[in-house]
Amino acid sequence: MDKQKVCTYLAYFAKSLLLVLAIGWLIFALLSGAENSGVLKNIPNALPWAILLVFVCIAFRWQILGGILIILFGLFTVVFFSALEFLWILFLISLPLIALGAILTFTVRK
């Protein structure tokens, strides 16, 4: 298998996994706590994950731009969630976003 095919498969894998993660976190943010306050009041909690979903959609069209935006979003989650204090957040949210964004950025098809 040549290098170009490996890069293509890695990019498809990263995009697919990011899509699943973004949709899963968006649904989780919408539904967590919805039994008390309702789904509509949870929309502000889900807004960052909706932004991530937009970034993933951008990555499907413009891979480098989407990858850079996803890396920046991953770095934002490090600060926003204090991920350096809570390592499980770092390993479950921030690092996967940064790694998958890096895969998208550096596996560009020509």
Protein backbone atom coordinates (compact mmCIF):
# COMPACT_ATOMS: atom_id res chain seq x y z
CA MET A 1 0.00 0.00 0.00
CA ASP A 2 1.46 3.34 -0.95
CA LYS A 3 1.78 6.40 1.24
CA GLN A 4 -1.06 8.27 -0.45
CA LYS A 5 -3.59 5.51 0.27
CA VAL A 6 -2.52 5.35 3.91
CA CYS A 7 -2.99 9.11 4.22
CA THR A 8 -6.41 8.87 2.59
CA TYR A 9 -7.55 6.09 4.93
CA LEU A 10 -6.23 7.95 7.97
CA ALA A 11 -8.11 11.09 6.93
CA TYR A 12 -11.36 9.14 6.41
CA PHE A 13 -10.90 7.45 9.78
CA ALA A 14 -10.27 10.79 11.53
CA LYS A 15 -13.27 12.46 9.89
CA SER A 16 -15.58 9.55 10.71
CA LEU A 17 -14.45 9.34 14.32
CA LEU A 18 -14.74 13.11 14.75
CA LEU A 19 -18.26 13.02 13.34
CA VAL A 20 -19.28 10.29 15.78
CA LEU A 21 -17.65 12.10 18.71
CA ALA A 22 -19.16 15.48 17.85
CA ILE A 23 -22.67 14.08 17.44
CA GLY A 24 -22.33 11.99 20.60
CA TRP A 25 -21.12 14.89 22.73
CA LEU A 26 -23.79 17.17 21.25
CA ILE A 27 -26.56 14.72 22.12
CA PHE A 28 -25.07 14.13 25.57
CA ALA A 29 -24.90 17.87 26.25
CA LEU A 30 -28.48 18.35 25.11
CA LEU A 31 -29.88 15.49 27.16
CA SER A 32 -27.81 15.68 30.36
CA GLY A 33 -29.95 17.40 32.93
CA ALA A 34 -32.91 17.60 30.54
CA GLU A 35 -35.15 15.66 32.92
CA ASN A 36 -35.14 18.67 35.27
CA SER A 37 -34.94 21.66 32.96
CA GLY A 38 -35.84 20.39 29.51
CA VAL A 39 -33.85 20.07 26.33
CA LEU A 40 -34.38 23.69 25.25
CA LYS A 41 -32.70 25.03 28.38
CA ASN A 42 -29.67 22.80 27.69
CA ILE A 43 -28.98 24.40 24.32
CA PRO A 44 -26.32 26.75 25.77
CA ASN A 45 -24.50 23.69 27.19
CA ALA A 46 -24.55 22.05 23.77
CA LEU A 47 -23.37 25.09 21.81
CA PRO A 48 -19.63 24.26 21.98
CA TRP A 49 -20.31 20.76 20.67
CA ALA A 50 -22.45 22.19 17.88
CA ILE A 51 -19.47 24.38 16.97
CA LEU A 52 -17.28 21.26 16.93
CA LEU A 53 -19.79 19.63 14.58
CA VAL A 54 -19.53 22.66 12.28
CA PHE A 55 -15.73 22.35 12.36
CA VAL A 56 -16.02 18.66 11.43
CA CYS A 57 -18.28 19.57 8.51
CA ILE A 58 -15.69 22.16 7.43
CA ALA A 59 -13.05 19.41 7.61
CA PHE A 60 -15.04 17.30 5.16
CA ARG A 61 -14.83 20.13 2.60
CA TRP A 62 -11.53 21.83 3.50
CA GLN A 63 -9.42 19.31 5.35
CA ILE A 64 -6.51 21.54 6.42
CA LEU A 65 -8.73 24.37 7.66
CA GLY A 66 -11.00 21.94 9.49
CA GLY A 67 -8.02 20.17 11.04
CA ILE A 68 -6.56 23.44 12.31
CA LEU A 69 -9.93 24.53 13.73
CA ILE A 70 -10.33 21.17 15.48
CA ILE A 71 -6.82 21.42 16.96
CA LEU A 72 -7.65 24.90 18.26
CA PHE A 73 -10.94 23.60 19.68
CA GLY A 74 -9.02 20.80 21.42
CA LEU A 75 -6.63 23.36 22.93
CA PHE A 76 -9.64 25.42 24.00
CA THR A 77 -11.05 22.39 25.85
CA VAL A 78 -7.77 22.06 27.75
CA VAL A 79 -8.28 25.56 29.15
CA PHE A 80 -12.08 25.51 29.44
CA PHE A 81 -12.34 22.17 31.23
CA SER A 82 -9.08 22.59 33.24
CA ALA A 83 -7.94 19.37 31.61
CA LEU A 84 -4.44 19.58 33.04
CA GLU A 85 -5.94 19.24 36.53
CA PHE A 86 -8.35 16.48 35.54
CA LEU A 87 -6.38 14.01 33.44
CA TRP A 88 -9.40 11.94 32.48
CA ILE A 89 -10.82 15.00 30.67
CA LEU A 90 -7.47 15.51 28.97
CA PHE A 91 -7.38 11.93 27.70
CA LEU A 92 -11.09 11.61 26.82
CA ILE A 93 -11.81 14.99 25.24
CA SER A 94 -8.81 17.23 24.57
CA LEU A 95 -6.09 14.90 23.32
CA PRO A 96 -8.32 12.95 20.91
CA LEU A 97 -9.48 16.22 19.34
CA ILE A 98 -5.92 17.51 19.03
CA ALA A 99 -4.65 14.20 17.62
CA LEU A 100 -7.48 13.78 15.12
CA GLY A 101 -7.15 17.41 14.03
CA ALA A 102 -3.42 16.85 13.51
CA ILE A 103 -4.16 13.76 11.40
CA LEU A 104 -6.45 15.84 9.23
CA THR A 105 -3.94 18.63 8.92
CA PHE A 106 -0.97 16.48 7.99
CA THR A 107 -2.60 13.82 5.78
CA VAL A 108 -3.73 16.02 2.94
CA ARG A 109 -4.47 14.36 -0.38
CA LYS A 110 -2.98 16.02 -3.44
